PDB file of N, CA and C in Angstrom:
ATOM      1  N   MET A   1       0.844  -1.180   0.000  1.00  0.00           N
ATOM      2  CA  MET A   1       0.000   0.000   0.000  1.00  0.00           C
ATOM      3  C   MET A   1       0.885   1.237   0.000  1.00  0.00           C
ATOM      4  N   SER A   2       0.557   2.178  -0.837  1.00  0.00           N
ATOM      5  CA  SER A   2       1.291   3.434  -0.850  1.00  0.00           C
ATOM      6  C   SER A   2       0.335   4.569  -0.512  1.00  0.00           C
ATOM      7  N   VAL A   3       0.882   5.600   0.095  1.00  0.00           N
ATOM      8  CA  VAL A   3       0.093   6.755   0.492  1.00  0.00           C
ATOM      9  C   VAL A   3       0.750   7.984  -0.095  1.00  0.00           C
ATOM     10  N   SER A   4      -0.033   8.841  -0.699  1.00  0.00           N
ATOM     11  CA  SER A   4       0.511  10.078  -1.244  1.00  0.00           C
ATOM     12  C   SER A   4      -0.080  11.251  -0.482  1.00  0.00           C
ATOM     13  N   ALA A   5       0.523  12.406  -0.673  1.00  0.00           N
ATOM     14  CA  ALA A   5       0.047  13.606   0.013  1.00  0.00           C
ATOM     15  C   ALA A   5      -1.398  13.909  -0.359  1.00  0.00           C
ATOM     16  N   SER A   6      -1.802  13.559  -1.568  1.00  0.00           N
ATOM     17  CA  SER A   6      -3.173  13.840  -1.973  1.00  0.00           C
ATOM     18  C   SER A   6      -4.180  12.973  -1.236  1.00  0.00           C
ATOM     19  N   ASP A   7      -3.713  11.888  -0.590  1.00  0.00           N
ATOM     20  CA  ASP A   7      -4.598  11.025   0.178  1.00  0.00           C
ATOM     21  C   ASP A   7      -4.847  11.537   1.595  1.00  0.00           C
ATOM     22  N   SER A   8      -4.105  12.552   2.011  1.00  0.00           N
ATOM     23  CA  SER A   8      -4.235  13.038   3.381  1.00  0.00           C
ATOM     24  C   SER A   8      -5.508  13.866   3.536  1.00  0.00           C
ATOM     25  N   PRO A   9      -6.069  13.884   4.742  1.00  0.00           N
ATOM     26  CA  PRO A   9      -7.309  14.631   4.980  1.00  0.00           C
ATOM     27  C   PRO A   9      -7.039  16.116   5.204  1.00  0.00           C
ATOM     28  N   LYS A  10      -6.497  16.826   4.187  1.00  0.00           N
ATOM     29  CA  LYS A  10      -6.123  18.228   4.315  1.00  0.00           C
ATOM     30  C   LYS A  10      -7.297  19.103   4.736  1.00  0.00           C
ATOM     31  N   ASP A  11      -8.467  18.838   4.157  1.00  0.00           N
ATOM     32  CA  ASP A  11      -9.612  19.676   4.464  1.00  0.00           C
ATOM     33  C   ASP A  11     -10.019  19.587   5.936  1.00  0.00           C
ATOM     34  N   ALA A  12      -9.747  18.464   6.584  1.00  0.00           N
ATOM     35  CA  ALA A  12     -10.129  18.281   7.982  1.00  0.00           C
ATOM     36  C   ALA A  12      -9.048  18.763   8.946  1.00  0.00           C
ATOM     37  N   ALA A  13      -7.823  18.932   8.465  1.00  0.00           N
ATOM     38  CA  ALA A  13      -6.718  19.326   9.341  1.00  0.00           C
ATOM     39  C   ALA A  13      -6.955  20.721   9.913  1.00  0.00           C
ATOM     40  N   CYS A  14      -6.789  20.825  11.199  1.00  0.00           N
ATOM     41  CA  CYS A  14      -6.814  22.113  11.906  1.00  0.00           C
ATOM     42  C   CYS A  14      -8.131  22.868  11.758  1.00  0.00           C
ATOM     43  N   GLN A  15      -9.226  22.170  11.564  1.00  0.00           N
ATOM     44  CA  GLN A  15     -10.525  22.823  11.416  1.00  0.00           C
ATOM     45  C   GLN A  15     -11.373  22.786  12.683  1.00  0.00           C
ATOM     46  N   ALA A  16     -10.972  22.015  13.675  1.00  0.00           N
ATOM     47  CA  ALA A  16     -11.729  21.956  14.927  1.00  0.00           C
ATOM     48  C   ALA A  16     -11.702  23.328  15.608  1.00  0.00           C
ATOM     49  N   PRO A  17     -12.706  23.659  16.384  1.00  0.00           N
ATOM     50  CA  PRO A  17     -12.763  24.966  17.057  1.00  0.00           C
ATOM     51  C   PRO A  17     -11.518  25.274  17.895  1.00  0.00           C
ATOM     52  N   GLU A  18     -10.913  24.254  18.496  1.00  0.00           N
ATOM     53  CA  GLU A  18      -9.717  24.480  19.317  1.00  0.00           C
ATOM     54  C   GLU A  18      -8.584  25.097  18.500  1.00  0.00           C
ATOM     55  N   HIS A  19      -8.481  24.748  17.241  1.00  0.00           N
ATOM     56  CA  HIS A  19      -7.424  25.284  16.378  1.00  0.00           C
ATOM     57  C   HIS A  19      -7.618  26.767  16.093  1.00  0.00           C
ATOM     58  N   LYS A  20      -8.788  27.291  16.368  1.00  0.00           N
ATOM     59  CA  LYS A  20      -9.094  28.704  16.099  1.00  0.00           C
ATOM     60  C   LYS A  20      -9.014  29.567  17.352  1.00  0.00           C
ATOM     61  N   GLN A  21      -8.628  28.997  18.489  1.00  0.00           N
ATOM     62  CA  GLN A  21      -8.639  29.735  19.756  1.00  0.00           C
ATOM     63  C   GLN A  21      -7.643  30.882  19.806  1.00  0.00           C
ATOM     64  N   PHE A  22      -6.630  30.871  18.971  1.00  0.00           N
ATOM     65  CA  PHE A  22      -5.643  31.957  18.939  1.00  0.00           C
ATOM     66  C   PHE A  22      -5.950  32.966  17.833  1.00  0.00           C
ATOM     67  N   ASP A  23      -7.085  32.821  17.139  1.00  0.00           N
ATOM     68  CA  ASP A  23      -7.411  33.729  16.040  1.00  0.00           C
ATOM     69  C   ASP A  23      -7.500  35.183  16.484  1.00  0.00           C
ATOM     70  N   PHE A  24      -7.901  35.433  17.726  1.00  0.00           N
ATOM     71  CA  PHE A  24      -7.998  36.810  18.220  1.00  0.00           C
ATOM     72  C   PHE A  24      -6.663  37.538  18.180  1.00  0.00           C
ATOM     73  N   TRP A  25      -5.565  36.793  18.175  1.00  0.00           N
ATOM     74  CA  TRP A  25      -4.222  37.375  18.242  1.00  0.00           C
ATOM     75  C   TRP A  25      -3.710  37.788  16.864  1.00  0.00           C
ATOM     76  N   VAL A  26      -4.277  37.248  15.804  1.00  0.00           N
ATOM     77  CA  VAL A  26      -3.816  37.517  14.441  1.00  0.00           C
ATOM     78  C   VAL A  26      -4.022  38.993  14.115  1.00  0.00           C
ATOM     79  N   GLY A  27      -2.954  39.653  13.624  1.00  0.00           N
ATOM     80  CA  GLY A  27      -3.013  41.062  13.243  1.00  0.00           C
ATOM     81  C   GLY A  27      -1.715  41.774  13.563  1.00  0.00           C
ATOM     82  N   ASP A  28      -1.721  43.099  13.399  1.00  0.00           N
ATOM     83  CA  ASP A  28      -0.588  43.957  13.757  1.00  0.00           C
ATOM     84  C   ASP A  28      -0.927  44.639  15.075  1.00  0.00           C
ATOM     85  N   TRP A  29      -0.011  44.538  16.048  1.00  0.00           N
ATOM     86  CA  TRP A  29      -0.287  45.009  17.390  1.00  0.00           C
ATOM     87  C   TRP A  29       0.863  45.832  17.963  1.00  0.00           C
ATOM     88  N   ASP A  30       0.525  46.828  18.758  1.00  0.00           N
ATOM     89  CA  ASP A  30       1.478  47.482  19.633  1.00  0.00           C
ATOM     90  C   ASP A  30       1.306  46.847  21.006  1.00  0.00           C
ATOM     91  N   ALA A  31       2.417  46.591  21.694  1.00  0.00           N
ATOM     92  CA  ALA A  31       2.380  45.977  23.021  1.00  0.00           C
ATOM     93  C   ALA A  31       2.770  47.005  24.074  1.00  0.00           C
ATOM     94  N   PHE A  32       2.119  46.913  25.232  1.00  0.00           N
ATOM     95  CA  PHE A  32       2.332  47.834  26.338  1.00  0.00           C
ATOM     96  C   PHE A  32       2.533  47.037  27.610  1.00  0.00           C
ATOM     97  N   ASP A  33       3.296  47.577  28.550  1.00  0.00           N
ATOM     98  CA  ASP A  33       3.321  47.005  29.890  1.00  0.00           C
ATOM     99  C   ASP A  33       1.975  47.303  30.535  1.00  0.00           C
ATOM    100  N   VAL A  34       1.534  46.444  31.430  1.00  0.00           N
ATOM    101  CA  VAL A  34       0.246  46.626  32.110  1.00  0.00           C
ATOM    102  C   VAL A  34       0.235  47.974  32.818  1.00  0.00           C
ATOM    103  N   GLY A  35      -0.794  48.765  32.563  1.00  0.00           N
ATOM    104  CA  GLY A  35      -0.942  50.061  33.218  1.00  0.00           C
ATOM    105  C   GLY A  35      -0.190  51.201  32.554  1.00  0.00           C
ATOM    106  N   SER A  36       0.494  50.937  31.452  1.00  0.00           N
ATOM    107  CA  SER A  36       1.286  51.965  30.782  1.00  0.00           C
ATOM    108  C   SER A  36       0.704  52.279  29.406  1.00  0.00           C
ATOM    109  N   THR A  37       0.989  53.487  28.912  1.00  0.00           N
ATOM    110  CA  THR A  37       0.590  53.859  27.559  1.00  0.00           C
ATOM    111  C   THR A  37       1.793  53.932  26.616  1.00  0.00           C
ATOM    112  N   VAL A  38       2.961  53.548  27.123  1.00  0.00           N
ATOM    113  CA  VAL A  38       4.186  53.582  26.329  1.00  0.00           C
ATOM    114  C   VAL A  38       4.330  52.262  25.566  1.00  0.00           C
ATOM    115  N   VAL A  39       4.485  52.375  24.252  1.00  0.00           N
ATOM    116  CA  VAL A  39       4.657  51.185  23.416  1.00  0.00           C
ATOM    117  C   VAL A  39       6.018  50.565  23.707  1.00  0.00           C
ATOM    118  N   VAL A  40       6.035  49.273  24.069  1.00  0.00           N
ATOM    119  CA  VAL A  40       7.298  48.583  24.348  1.00  0.00           C
ATOM    120  C   VAL A  40       7.692  47.634  23.211  1.00  0.00           C
ATOM    121  N   ALA A  41       6.741  47.341  22.316  1.00  0.00           N
ATOM    122  CA  ALA A  41       7.048  46.441  21.200  1.00  0.00           C
ATOM    123  C   ALA A  41       5.945  46.529  20.152  1.00  0.00           C
ATOM    124  N   HIS A  42       6.305  46.084  18.955  1.00  0.00           N
ATOM    125  CA  HIS A  42       5.314  45.914  17.890  1.00  0.00           C
ATOM    126  C   HIS A  42       5.388  44.460  17.460  1.00  0.00           C
ATOM    127  N   LEU A  43       4.229  43.875  17.214  1.00  0.00           N
ATOM    128  CA  LEU A  43       4.236  42.505  16.740  1.00  0.00           C
ATOM    129  C   LEU A  43       3.245  42.309  15.625  1.00  0.00           C
ATOM    130  N   LYS A  44       3.605  41.377  14.755  1.00  0.00           N
ATOM    131  CA  LYS A  44       2.742  40.948  13.659  1.00  0.00           C
ATOM    132  C   LYS A  44       2.473  39.472  13.868  1.00  0.00           C
ATOM    133  N   VAL A  45       1.206  39.107  13.795  1.00  0.00           N
ATOM    134  CA  VAL A  45       0.808  37.726  14.020  1.00  0.00           C
ATOM    135  C   VAL A  45      -0.031  37.275  12.826  1.00  0.00           C
ATOM    136  N   ASP A  46       0.345  36.141  12.234  1.00  0.00           N
ATOM    137  CA  ASP A  46      -0.409  35.599  11.115  1.00  0.00           C
ATOM    138  C   ASP A  46      -0.486  34.083  11.218  1.00  0.00           C
ATOM    139  N   ARG A  47      -1.210  33.494  10.307  1.00  0.00           N
ATOM    140  CA  ARG A  47      -1.342  32.032  10.252  1.00  0.00           C
ATOM    141  C   ARG A  47      -0.586  31.525   9.044  1.00  0.00           C
ATOM    142  N   LEU A  48       0.025  30.332   9.180  1.00  0.00           N
ATOM    143  CA  LEU A  48       0.678  29.675   8.061  1.00  0.00           C
ATOM    144  C   LEU A  48       0.414  28.192   8.061  1.00  0.00           C
ATOM    145  N   LEU A  49       0.955  27.515   7.057  1.00  0.00           N
ATOM    146  CA  LEU A  49       0.795  26.066   6.905  1.00  0.00           C
ATOM    147  C   LEU A  49      -0.684  25.669   6.947  1.00  0.00           C
ATOM    148  N   ASP A  50      -1.427  26.239   5.995  1.00  0.00           N
ATOM    149  CA  ASP A  50      -2.855  25.958   5.850  1.00  0.00           C
ATOM    150  C   ASP A  50      -3.660  26.294   7.098  1.00  0.00           C
ATOM    151  N   GLY A  51      -3.207  27.310   7.842  1.00  0.00           N
ATOM    152  CA  GLY A  51      -3.925  27.757   9.021  1.00  0.00           C
ATOM    153  C   GLY A  51      -3.645  26.970  10.279  1.00  0.00           C
ATOM    154  N   CYS A  52      -2.721  26.014  10.216  1.00  0.00           N
ATOM    155  CA  CYS A  52      -2.438  25.172  11.379  1.00  0.00           C
ATOM    156  C   CYS A  52      -1.492  25.826  12.379  1.00  0.00           C
ATOM    157  N   VAL A  53      -0.699  26.794  11.943  1.00  0.00           N
ATOM    158  CA  VAL A  53       0.337  27.388  12.785  1.00  0.00           C
ATOM    159  C   VAL A  53       0.107  28.896  12.905  1.00  0.00           C
ATOM    160  N   VAL A  54       0.288  29.423  14.110  1.00  0.00           N
ATOM    161  CA  VAL A  54       0.231  30.854  14.360  1.00  0.00           C
ATOM    162  C   VAL A  54       1.666  31.335  14.535  1.00  0.00           C
ATOM    163  N   ARG A  55       2.063  32.318  13.704  1.00  0.00           N
ATOM    164  CA  ARG A  55       3.428  32.860  13.778  1.00  0.00           C
ATOM    165  C   ARG A  55       3.385  34.289  14.300  1.00  0.00           C
ATOM    166  N   GLU A  56       4.262  34.570  15.253  1.00  0.00           N
ATOM    167  CA  GLU A  56       4.418  35.919  15.808  1.00  0.00           C
ATOM    168  C   GLU A  56       5.797  36.432  15.444  1.00  0.00           C
ATOM    169  N   GLU A  57       5.854  37.679  14.959  1.00  0.00           N
ATOM    170  CA  GLU A  57       7.119  38.392  14.761  1.00  0.00           C
ATOM    171  C   GLU A  57       7.107  39.574  15.716  1.00  0.00           C
ATOM    172  N   TYR A  58       8.080  39.612  16.637  1.00  0.00           N
ATOM    173  CA  TYR A  58       8.124  40.580  17.728  1.00  0.00           C
ATOM    174  C   TYR A  58       9.321  41.494  17.545  1.00  0.00           C
ATOM    175  N   GLU A  59       9.108  42.803  17.693  1.00  0.00           N
ATOM    176  CA  GLU A  59      10.216  43.747  17.657  1.00  0.00           C
ATOM    177  C   GLU A  59      10.040  44.744  18.795  1.00  0.00           C
ATOM    178  N   GLY A  60      10.911  44.616  19.803  1.00  0.00           N
ATOM    179  CA  GLY A  60      10.843  45.487  20.964  1.00  0.00           C
ATOM    180  C   GLY A  60      11.476  46.832  20.705  1.00  0.00           C
ATOM    181  N   SER A  61      11.069  47.834  21.466  1.00  0.00           N
ATOM    182  CA  SER A  61      11.638  49.170  21.336  1.00  0.00           C
ATOM    183  C   SER A  61      13.105  49.195  21.762  1.00  0.00           C
ATOM    184  N   ASP A  62      13.568  48.137  22.446  1.00  0.00           N
ATOM    185  CA  ASP A  62      14.959  48.032  22.881  1.00  0.00           C
ATOM    186  C   ASP A  62      15.791  47.163  21.928  1.00  0.00           C
ATOM    187  N   ASP A  63      15.312  46.952  20.708  1.00  0.00           N
ATOM    188  CA  ASP A  63      15.963  46.143  19.676  1.00  0.00           C
ATOM    189  C   ASP A  63      15.928  44.641  19.979  1.00  0.00           C
ATOM    190  N   HIS A  64      15.123  44.244  20.939  1.00  0.00           N
ATOM    191  CA  HIS A  64      14.903  42.821  21.223  1.00  0.00           C
ATOM    192  C   HIS A  64      13.935  42.302  20.166  1.00  0.00           C
ATOM    193  N   LYS A  65      14.353  41.293  19.424  1.00  0.00           N
ATOM    194  CA  LYS A  65      13.522  40.739  18.361  1.00  0.00           C
ATOM    195  C   LYS A  65      13.313  39.256  18.603  1.00  0.00           C
ATOM    196  N   GLY A  66      12.147  38.785  18.217  1.00  0.00           N
ATOM    197  CA  GLY A  66      11.868  37.367  18.383  1.00  0.00           C
ATOM    198  C   GLY A  66      10.778  36.894  17.456  1.00  0.00           C
ATOM    199  N   GLU A  67      10.692  35.587  17.343  1.00  0.00           N
ATOM    200  CA  GLU A  67       9.623  34.961  16.578  1.00  0.00           C
ATOM    201  C   GLU A  67       9.123  33.749  17.344  1.00  0.00           C
ATOM    202  N   SER A  68       7.823  33.530  17.249  1.00  0.00           N
ATOM    203  CA  SER A  68       7.257  32.341  17.875  1.00  0.00           C
ATOM    204  C   SER A  68       6.393  31.599  16.872  1.00  0.00           C
ATOM    205  N   LEU A  69       6.301  30.305  17.087  1.00  0.00           N
ATOM    206  CA  LEU A  69       5.388  29.451  16.347  1.00  0.00           C
ATOM    207  C   LEU A  69       4.517  28.754  17.385  1.00  0.00           C
ATOM    208  N   SER A  70       3.197  28.796  17.165  1.00  0.00           N
ATOM    209  CA  SER A  70       2.251  28.167  18.078  1.00  0.00           C
ATOM    210  C   SER A  70       1.366  27.215  17.287  1.00  0.00           C
ATOM    211  N   ILE A  71       1.063  26.075  17.903  1.00  0.00           N
ATOM    212  CA  ILE A  71       0.196  25.092  17.257  1.00  0.00           C
ATOM    213  C   ILE A  71      -0.619  24.374  18.327  1.00  0.00           C
ATOM    214  N   TYR A  72      -1.842  24.034  17.965  1.00  0.00           N
ATOM    215  CA  TYR A  72      -2.686  23.240  18.859  1.00  0.00           C
ATOM    216  C   TYR A  72      -2.362  21.770  18.637  1.00  0.00           C
ATOM    217  N   ASP A  73      -1.943  21.091  19.685  1.00  0.00           N
ATOM    218  CA  ASP A  73      -1.628  19.665  19.623  1.00  0.00           C
ATOM    219  C   ASP A  73      -2.885  18.902  20.043  1.00  0.00           C
ATOM    220  N   ALA A  74      -3.654  18.484  19.053  1.00  0.00           N
ATOM    221  CA  ALA A  74      -4.933  17.828  19.326  1.00  0.00           C
ATOM    222  C   ALA A  74      -4.757  16.509  20.065  1.00  0.00           C
ATOM    223  N   SER A  75      -3.631  15.835  19.857  1.00  0.00           N
ATOM    224  CA  SER A  75      -3.427  14.547  20.527  1.00  0.00           C
ATOM    225  C   SER A  75      -3.297  14.713  22.035  1.00  0.00           C
ATOM    226  N   ARG A  76      -2.767  15.867  22.490  1.00  0.00           N
ATOM    227  CA  ARG A  76      -2.612  16.134  23.922  1.00  0.00           C
ATOM    228  C   ARG A  76      -3.584  17.184  24.435  1.00  0.00           C
ATOM    229  N   LYS A  77      -4.325  17.813  23.514  1.00  0.00           N
ATOM    230  CA  LYS A  77      -5.297  18.863  23.850  1.00  0.00           C
ATOM    231  C   LYS A  77      -4.637  20.054  24.541  1.00  0.00           C
ATOM    232  N   VAL A  78      -3.490  20.487  23.999  1.00  0.00           N
ATOM    233  CA  VAL A  78      -2.786  21.655  24.523  1.00  0.00           C
ATOM    234  C   VAL A  78      -2.247  22.504  23.370  1.00  0.00           C
ATOM    235  N   TRP A  79      -2.090  23.788  23.661  1.00  0.00           N
ATOM    236  CA  TRP A  79      -1.374  24.675  22.763  1.00  0.00           C
ATOM    237  C   TRP A  79       0.112  24.602  23.091  1.00  0.00           C
ATOM    238  N   HIS A  80       0.940  24.599  22.072  1.00  0.00           N
ATOM    239  CA  HIS A  80       2.391  24.570  22.229  1.00  0.00           C
ATOM    240  C   HIS A  80       2.955  25.792  21.515  1.00  0.00           C
ATOM    241  N   GLN A  81       3.884  26.504  22.173  1.00  0.00           N
ATOM    242  CA  GLN A  81       4.554  27.640  21.551  1.00  0.00           C
ATOM    243  C   GLN A  81       6.053  27.554  21.813  1.00  0.00           C
ATOM    244  N   THR A  82       6.822  27.773  20.759  1.00  0.00           N
ATOM    245  CA  THR A  82       8.273  27.894  20.873  1.00  0.00           C
ATOM    246  C   THR A  82       8.646  29.294  20.403  1.00  0.00           C
ATOM    247  N   TRP A  83       9.400  30.017  21.237  1.00  0.00           N
ATOM    248  CA  TRP A  83       9.788  31.399  20.965  1.00  0.00           C
ATOM    249  C   TRP A  83      11.304  31.489  20.979  1.00  0.00           C
ATOM    250  N   VAL A  84      11.880  32.148  19.955  1.00  0.00           N
ATOM    251  CA  VAL A  84      13.329  32.331  19.864  1.00  0.00           C
ATOM    252  C   VAL A  84      13.623  33.806  19.594  1.00  0.00           C
ATOM    253  N   THR A  85      14.827  34.261  20.006  1.00  0.00           N
ATOM    254  CA  THR A  85      15.143  35.687  19.872  1.00  0.00           C
ATOM    255  C   THR A  85      16.516  35.927  19.263  1.00  0.00           C
ATOM    256  N   ASN A  86      16.753  37.202  18.939  1.00  0.00           N
ATOM    257  CA  ASN A  86      18.054  37.632  18.433  1.00  0.00           C
ATOM    258  C   ASN A  86      19.098  37.711  19.547  1.00  0.00           C
ATOM    259  N   ARG A  87      18.734  37.341  20.765  1.00  0.00           N
ATOM    260  CA  ARG A  87      19.660  37.289  21.894  1.00  0.00           C
ATOM    261  C   ARG A  87      19.973  35.852  22.307  1.00  0.00           C
ATOM    262  N   GLY A  88      19.589  34.914  21.450  1.00  0.00           N
ATOM    263  CA  GLY A  88      19.872  33.512  21.720  1.00  0.00           C
ATOM    264  C   GLY A  88      18.958  32.863  22.736  1.00  0.00           C
ATOM    265  N   GLU A  89      17.837  33.489  23.035  1.00  0.00           N
ATOM    266  CA  GLU A  89      16.900  32.953  24.026  1.00  0.00           C
ATOM    267  C   GLU A  89      15.937  31.966  23.369  1.00  0.00           C
ATOM    268  N   VAL A  90      15.522  30.969  24.121  1.00  0.00           N
ATOM    269  CA  VAL A  90      14.502  30.016  23.703  1.00  0.00           C
ATOM    270  C   VAL A  90      13.497  29.906  24.837  1.00  0.00           C
ATOM    271  N   LEU A  91      12.236  29.974  24.498  1.00  0.00           N
ATOM    272  CA  LEU A  91      11.167  29.814  25.478  1.00  0.00           C
ATOM    273  C   LEU A  91      10.190  28.799  24.911  1.00  0.00           C
ATOM    274  N   VAL A  92       9.872  27.789  25.687  1.00  0.00           N
ATOM    275  CA  VAL A  92       8.902  26.766  25.300  1.00  0.00           C
ATOM    276  C   VAL A  92       7.783  26.791  26.326  1.00  0.00           C
ATOM    277  N   ILE A  93       6.575  27.110  25.864  1.00  0.00           N
ATOM    278  CA  ILE A  93       5.440  27.204  26.770  1.00  0.00           C
ATOM    279  C   ILE A  93       4.260  26.423  26.192  1.00  0.00           C
ATOM    280  N   GLU A  94       3.410  25.923  27.088  1.00  0.00           N
ATOM    281  CA  GLU A  94       2.231  25.163  26.681  1.00  0.00           C
ATOM    282  C   GLU A  94       1.071  25.489  27.610  1.00  0.00           C
ATOM    283  N   GLY A  95      -0.121  25.293  27.108  1.00  0.00           N
ATOM    284  CA  GLY A  95      -1.285  25.531  27.937  1.00  0.00           C
ATOM    285  C   GLY A  95      -2.566  25.428  27.160  1.00  0.00           C
ATOM    286  N   SER A  96      -3.572  26.185  27.625  1.00  0.00           N
ATOM    287  CA  SER A  96      -4.889  26.057  27.013  1.00  0.00           C
ATOM    288  C   SER A  96      -5.685  27.346  27.158  1.00  0.00           C
ATOM    289  N   PHE A  97      -6.809  27.357  26.470  1.00  0.00           N
ATOM    290  CA  PHE A  97      -7.747  28.466  26.495  1.00  0.00           C
ATOM    291  C   PHE A  97      -8.872  28.104  27.460  1.00  0.00           C
ATOM    292  N   LYS A  98      -9.001  28.881  28.533  1.00  0.00           N
ATOM    293  CA  LYS A  98     -10.037  28.616  29.541  1.00  0.00           C
ATOM    294  C   LYS A  98     -10.603  29.930  30.044  1.00  0.00           C
ATOM    295  N   ALA A  99     -11.908  29.970  30.205  1.00  0.00           N
ATOM    296  CA  ALA A  99     -12.594  31.128  30.784  1.00  0.00           C
ATOM    297  C   ALA A  99     -12.199  32.438  30.102  1.00  0.00           C
ATOM    298  N   GLY A 100     -12.115  32.434  28.771  1.00  0.00           N
ATOM    299  CA  GLY A 100     -11.806  33.650  28.025  1.00  0.00           C
ATOM    300  C   GLY A 100     -10.362  34.075  28.059  1.00  0.00           C
ATOM    301  N   GLU A 101      -9.462  33.196  28.491  1.00  0.00           N
ATOM    302  CA  GLU A 101      -8.043  33.532  28.603  1.00  0.00           C
ATOM    303  C   GLU A 101      -7.189  32.412  28.043  1.00  0.00           C
ATOM    304  N   MET A 102      -6.184  32.777  27.254  1.00  0.00           N
ATOM    305  CA  MET A 102      -5.186  31.817  26.789  1.00  0.00           C
ATOM    306  C   MET A 102      -4.038  31.881  27.778  1.00  0.00           C
ATOM    307  N   ILE A 103      -3.729  30.766  28.447  1.00  0.00           N
ATOM    308  CA  ILE A 103      -2.663  30.740  29.444  1.00  0.00           C
ATOM    309  C   ILE A 103      -1.664  29.660  29.055  1.00  0.00           C
ATOM    310  N   LEU A 104      -0.429  30.078  28.802  1.00  0.00           N
ATOM    311  CA  LEU A 104       0.650  29.169  28.449  1.00  0.00           C
ATOM    312  C   LEU A 104       1.752  29.313  29.489  1.00  0.00           C
ATOM    313  N   THR A 105       2.253  28.194  29.967  1.00  0.00           N
ATOM    314  CA  THR A 105       3.274  28.185  31.006  1.00  0.00           C
ATOM    315  C   THR A 105       4.417  27.282  30.578  1.00  0.00           C
ATOM    316  N   GLY A 106       5.618  27.629  30.961  1.00  0.00           N
ATOM    317  CA  GLY A 106       6.768  26.800  30.621  1.00  0.00           C
ATOM    318  C   GLY A 106       8.026  27.434  31.139  1.00  0.00           C
ATOM    319  N   GLY A 107       9.118  27.255  30.417  1.00  0.00           N
ATOM    320  CA  GLY A 107      10.362  27.806  30.920  1.00  0.00           C
ATOM    321  C   GLY A 107      11.441  27.959  29.884  1.00  0.00           C
ATOM    322  N   ARG A 108      12.529  28.525  30.360  1.00  0.00           N
ATOM    323  CA  ARG A 108      13.726  28.730  29.551  1.00  0.00           C
ATOM    324  C   ARG A 108      14.814  27.822  30.072  1.00  0.00           C
ATOM    325  N   GLY A 109      15.737  27.486  29.224  1.00  0.00           N
ATOM    326  CA  GLY A 109      16.858  26.667  29.660  1.00  0.00           C
ATOM    327  C   GLY A 109      16.579  25.196  29.492  1.00  0.00           C
ATOM    328  N   PRO A 110      17.590  24.376  29.736  1.00  0.00           N
ATOM    329  CA  PRO A 110      17.457  22.940  29.547  1.00  0.00           C
ATOM    330  C   PRO A 110      16.333  22.351  30.397  1.00  0.00           C
ATOM    331  N   HIS A 111      15.429  21.696  29.742  1.00  0.00           N
ATOM    332  CA  HIS A 111      14.346  20.970  30.405  1.00  0.00           C
ATOM    333  C   HIS A 111      13.494  21.865  31.304  1.00  0.00           C
ATOM    334  N   HIS A 112      13.461  23.156  31.037  1.00  0.00           N
ATOM    335  CA  HIS A 112      12.587  24.111  31.715  1.00  0.00           C
ATOM    336  C   HIS A 112      12.851  24.198  33.221  1.00  0.00           C
ATOM    337  N   ARG A 113      14.060  23.945  33.659  1.00  0.00           N
ATOM    338  CA  ARG A 113      14.326  23.957  35.097  1.00  0.00           C
ATOM    339  C   ARG A 113      14.707  25.325  35.618  1.00  0.00           C
ATOM    340  N   ARG A 114      15.178  26.202  34.765  1.00  0.00           N
ATOM    341  CA  ARG A 114      15.714  27.465  35.259  1.00  0.00           C
ATOM    342  C   ARG A 114      14.643  28.518  35.548  1.00  0.00           C
ATOM    343  N   THR A 115      13.756  28.739  34.618  1.00  0.00           N
ATOM    344  CA  THR A 115      12.794  29.823  34.765  1.00  0.00           C
ATOM    345  C   THR A 115      11.421  29.339  34.353  1.00  0.00           C
ATOM    346  N   ARG A 116      10.419  29.717  35.112  1.00  0.00           N
ATOM    347  CA  ARG A 116       9.045  29.424  34.707  1.00  0.00           C
ATOM    348  C   ARG A 116       8.425  30.720  34.211  1.00  0.00           C
ATOM    349  N   LYS A 117       7.676  30.619  33.158  1.00  0.00           N
ATOM    350  CA  LYS A 117       7.056  31.792  32.545  1.00  0.00           C
ATOM    351  C   LYS A 117       5.598  31.488  32.271  1.00  0.00           C
ATOM    352  N   THR A 118       4.739  32.387  32.642  1.00  0.00           N
ATOM    353  CA  THR A 118       3.335  32.269  32.295  1.00  0.00           C
ATOM    354  C   THR A 118       2.956  33.475  31.457  1.00  0.00           C
ATOM    355  N   SER A 119       2.392  33.215  30.301  1.00  0.00           N
ATOM    356  CA  SER A 119       1.877  34.271  29.445  1.00  0.00           C
ATOM    357  C   SER A 119       0.389  34.104  29.352  1.00  0.00           C
ATOM    358  N   SER A 120      -0.322  35.197  29.429  1.00  0.00           N
ATOM    359  CA  SER A 120      -1.768  35.095  29.279  1.00  0.00           C
ATOM    360  C   SER A 120      -2.272  36.204  28.372  1.00  0.00           C
ATOM    361  N   TRP A 121      -3.300  35.888  27.651  1.00  0.00           N
ATOM    362  CA  TRP A 121      -3.958  36.817  26.766  1.00  0.00           C
ATOM    363  C   TRP A 121      -5.403  36.868  27.215  1.00  0.00           C
ATOM    364  N   ASP A 122      -5.840  38.012  27.719  1.00  0.00           N
ATOM    365  CA  ASP A 122      -7.184  38.173  28.242  1.00  0.00           C
ATOM    366  C   ASP A 122      -8.031  38.837  27.159  1.00  0.00           C
ATOM    367  N   LEU A 123      -9.087  38.194  26.734  1.00  0.00           N
ATOM    368  CA  LEU A 123      -9.909  38.701  25.651  1.00  0.00           C
ATOM    369  C   LEU A 123     -10.771  39.888  26.059  1.00  0.00           C
ATOM    370  N   GLU A 124     -10.866  40.171  27.329  1.00  0.00           N
ATOM    371  CA  GLU A 124     -11.695  41.282  27.794  1.00  0.00           C
ATOM    372  C   GLU A 124     -10.989  42.628  27.703  1.00  0.00           C
ATOM    373  N   THR A 125      -9.655  42.629  27.569  1.00  0.00           N
ATOM    374  CA  THR A 125      -8.946  43.913  27.555  1.00  0.00           C
ATOM    375  C   THR A 125      -8.530  44.308  26.177  1.00  0.00           C
TER     376      THR A 125
END
């Protein structure tokens, strides 16, 4: 038996509602520290690979640049994000969308032992 790419269920890939939970983030954004009106970064967020992956391009006002790729892992029912920067940093975070908030937690460094990071996106603000 042989399988070709045309035999794959492309139309069904990444179409479940969970795959769309990060759609609110897609666009061009200015980022601010909580409680501040000073722009600390600009980011562009789009979808690629037939809508299965969310890509972020981040450019901080301090010349800190980074990119992230996020994907919903349906087999584990979690969102996974890997973020890398022009300063050699790597951040791997995972989590889920609950109660109107996307919360991803993880860390930097080997096996996430050094630093824990929680990022959240609140749809109400």
